[in-house]
Protein backbone atom coordinates (compact mmCIF):
# COMPACT_ATOMS: atom_id res chain seq x y z
CA MET A 1 65.37 142.80 81.73
CA GLY A 2 67.69 141.60 79.02
CA THR A 3 70.63 139.29 79.21
CA THR A 4 73.81 141.12 80.14
CA GLY A 5 77.26 140.58 78.72
CA ALA A 6 78.25 139.01 82.04
CA ASP A 7 75.30 136.59 81.80
CA ARG A 8 76.31 135.61 78.26
CA ARG A 9 79.93 135.04 79.34
CA ARG A 10 78.78 132.94 82.29
CA ASP A 11 76.47 130.90 80.07
CA ALA A 12 79.30 130.42 77.56
CA SER A 13 81.55 129.13 80.36
CA LEU A 14 78.81 126.82 81.61
CA LEU A 15 78.30 125.53 78.07
CA THR A 16 82.03 124.81 77.81
CA ILE A 17 81.98 122.90 81.11
CA SER A 18 78.86 121.04 79.95
CA ASP A 19 80.61 120.10 76.71
CA LEU A 20 83.74 118.97 78.60
CA MET A 21 81.88 116.76 81.07
CA PRO A 22 81.23 113.87 78.63
CA ARG A 23 84.96 113.85 77.77
CA PHE A 24 85.81 113.82 81.47
CA MET A 25 83.40 110.92 82.04
CA ARG A 26 84.85 108.98 79.06
CA LEU A 27 88.37 109.51 80.38
CA MET A 28 87.39 108.41 83.89
CA HIS A 29 85.63 105.38 82.41
CA GLY A 30 88.78 104.62 80.41
CA LEU A 31 90.94 104.87 83.52
CA LYS A 32 88.53 102.64 85.42
CA ALA A 33 88.54 100.09 82.60
CA GLN A 34 92.34 100.16 82.45
CA HIS A 35 92.67 99.66 86.20
CA THR A 36 90.02 96.95 86.23
CA ALA A 37 91.83 95.13 83.41
CA GLU A 38 95.06 95.33 85.40
CA GLY A 39 93.55 94.26 88.71
CA GLY A 40 90.36 92.49 87.68
CA ARG A 41 87.57 92.10 90.18
CA ASP A 42 89.93 92.97 93.02
CA ARG A 43 90.45 96.48 91.70
CA ALA A 44 86.71 97.16 91.45
CA ALA A 45 86.21 95.88 95.00
CA LEU A 46 89.05 98.02 96.36
CA VAL A 47 87.18 101.20 95.45
CA LEU A 48 84.78 100.38 98.31
CA LEU A 49 87.59 100.99 100.80
CA PHE A 50 87.47 104.75 100.17
CA PRO A 51 83.94 105.44 101.50
CA LEU A 52 84.50 103.05 104.41
CA ASP A 53 87.57 105.04 105.36
CA ARG A 54 85.92 108.41 104.80
CA LEU A 55 82.62 107.67 106.53
CA GLY A 56 83.47 104.89 108.98
CA PRO A 57 81.57 101.65 109.50
CA LEU A 58 78.59 101.25 107.16
CA ARG A 59 75.91 98.72 106.51
CA GLN A 60 76.39 96.98 103.19
CA SER A 61 73.14 98.50 101.88
CA GLU A 62 74.37 102.01 102.81
CA LEU A 63 77.62 101.35 100.98
CA ALA A 64 75.75 100.24 97.86
CA ASP A 65 73.65 103.41 97.97
CA LEU A 66 76.72 105.60 98.44
CA VAL A 67 78.54 104.19 95.44
CA HIS A 68 75.37 104.01 93.34
CA ALA A 69 75.89 100.30 92.67
CA ASP A 70 73.66 97.28 92.59
CA PRO A 71 73.51 95.61 96.03
CA SER A 72 74.38 92.20 94.55
CA THR A 73 77.55 93.64 92.98
CA VAL A 74 78.54 95.29 96.25
CA SER A 75 77.83 92.02 98.06
CA ARG A 76 80.28 90.15 95.82
CA HIS A 77 82.91 92.87 96.25
CA VAL A 78 82.46 92.94 100.03
CA ALA A 79 82.82 89.14 100.20
CA LEU A 80 86.14 89.46 98.37
CA LEU A 81 87.31 92.24 100.70
CA VAL A 82 86.34 90.19 103.76
CA ASP A 83 88.12 87.11 102.34
CA ARG A 84 91.27 89.19 101.79
CA GLY A 85 91.09 90.52 105.35
CA LEU A 86 90.67 94.14 104.23
CA VAL A 87 87.18 94.55 105.70
CA ALA A 88 85.54 92.94 108.72
CA ARG A 89 81.91 92.61 109.61
CA GLY A 90 81.12 94.13 112.98
CA ALA A 91 77.97 94.22 115.05
CA ASP A 92 75.63 97.14 114.49
CA GLU A 93 74.93 98.52 117.96
CA SER A 94 71.63 100.05 116.83
CA ASP A 95 70.32 96.75 115.42
CA GLY A 96 71.66 93.44 116.69
CA ARG A 97 70.50 91.64 113.54
CA ALA A 98 72.55 93.86 111.24
CA THR A 99 76.28 94.21 110.65
CA ARG A 100 78.49 97.09 109.67
CA LEU A 101 81.54 96.89 107.46
CA VAL A 102 84.75 98.09 109.09
CA LEU A 103 88.18 98.60 107.56
CA THR A 104 90.88 96.41 109.08
CA ASP A 105 94.52 97.42 109.52
CA ALA A 106 95.25 95.55 106.28
CA GLY A 107 92.44 97.54 104.62
CA HIS A 108 93.99 100.81 105.78
CA ALA A 109 97.39 99.68 104.45
CA GLN A 110 95.83 98.76 101.09
CA LEU A 111 94.12 102.14 100.96
CA ASP A 112 97.46 103.84 101.58
CA ARG A 113 98.91 101.94 98.61
CA LEU A 114 95.97 102.93 96.40
CA ARG A 115 96.34 106.58 97.38
CA ALA A 116 100.07 106.46 96.64
CA GLU A 117 99.30 105.03 93.17
CA ARG A 118 96.77 107.81 92.51
CA ILE A 119 99.19 110.49 93.66
CA ALA A 120 101.94 109.08 91.43
CA TYR A 121 99.57 109.05 88.46
CA LEU A 122 98.36 112.60 89.10
CA ARG A 123 101.94 113.76 89.63
CA THR A 124 102.69 112.52 86.09
CA VAL A 125 99.56 114.12 84.62
CA THR A 126 100.23 117.51 86.24
CA ASP A 127 104.02 117.47 85.91
CA ASP A 128 104.11 120.65 83.82
CA TRP A 129 101.65 122.55 86.05
CA THR A 130 102.71 125.23 88.48
CA ASP A 131 101.93 124.81 92.17
CA ASP A 132 99.45 127.70 91.89
CA GLU A 133 97.65 126.05 88.95
CA LEU A 134 97.37 122.79 90.87
CA GLU A 135 96.09 124.57 93.98
CA THR A 136 93.51 126.48 91.90
CA LEU A 137 92.29 123.28 90.24
CA THR A 138 92.08 121.53 93.61
CA THR A 139 90.00 124.31 95.13
CA LEU A 140 87.68 124.72 92.16
CA PHE A 141 87.29 120.99 91.51
CA ASP A 142 86.34 120.47 95.16
CA ARG A 143 83.76 123.25 94.84
CA LEU A 144 82.36 121.68 91.66
CA LEU A 145 82.08 118.28 93.33
CA ASP A 146 80.39 119.87 96.36
CA GLY A 147 77.86 121.51 94.04
CA ILE A 148 77.18 118.23 92.26
CA ALA A 149 76.98 116.38 95.59
CA LYS A 150 74.24 118.73 96.75
CA THR A 151 72.06 117.43 93.93
CA LEU A 152 72.54 113.77 94.92
CA PRO A 153 70.83 112.23 97.95
CA ALA A 154 73.63 109.96 99.25
CA GLU A 155 76.82 112.03 99.02
CA PRO A 156 77.89 114.06 102.07
CA ALA A 157 78.25 117.77 101.29
CA ALA A 158 81.12 120.04 102.31
CA GLY A 159 79.58 121.00 105.64
CA ASP A 160 79.09 117.37 106.64
CA PRO A 161 81.58 116.51 109.41
CA SER A 162 82.00 112.97 108.03
CA ARG A 163 83.39 114.33 104.75
CA THR A 164 87.14 114.36 104.39
CA VAL A 165 89.33 114.99 101.39
CA THR A 166 90.89 111.82 100.03
CA ALA A 167 93.51 111.36 97.37
């Protein structure tokens, strides 16, 4: 069987996405660098609040695996978050020797501020988009991320009850 016109169109679309992904990654890296420059080490540590909110209490090693970061880096970030009162260490009921990281009320408030900043930024970026365009992007981007997540061992997929959409 030969390649159909539909197959060629699909492959062309996939090639376009493939070619756009490095640009997307560069832009995300640029945003991360800009935010890190503005907020220093604090800003990098604050990113850890998102999975703790989404997934609940986690061991520090689980958190490092989830964010694909070196455990020593996560350890430094967690120490900062604990010092700032954004995260607390709680007992792990399944293993008395271990602890789990838990968001505090201050951590939830900080997360709300971070989400508001992201929404304000995205509102600016998509200012000339229609509501339908934004809804379409949201749906398709979520599907793309779900597809990518299925290929990674530590990211909950769409059907996982612990997964929630965050800003």
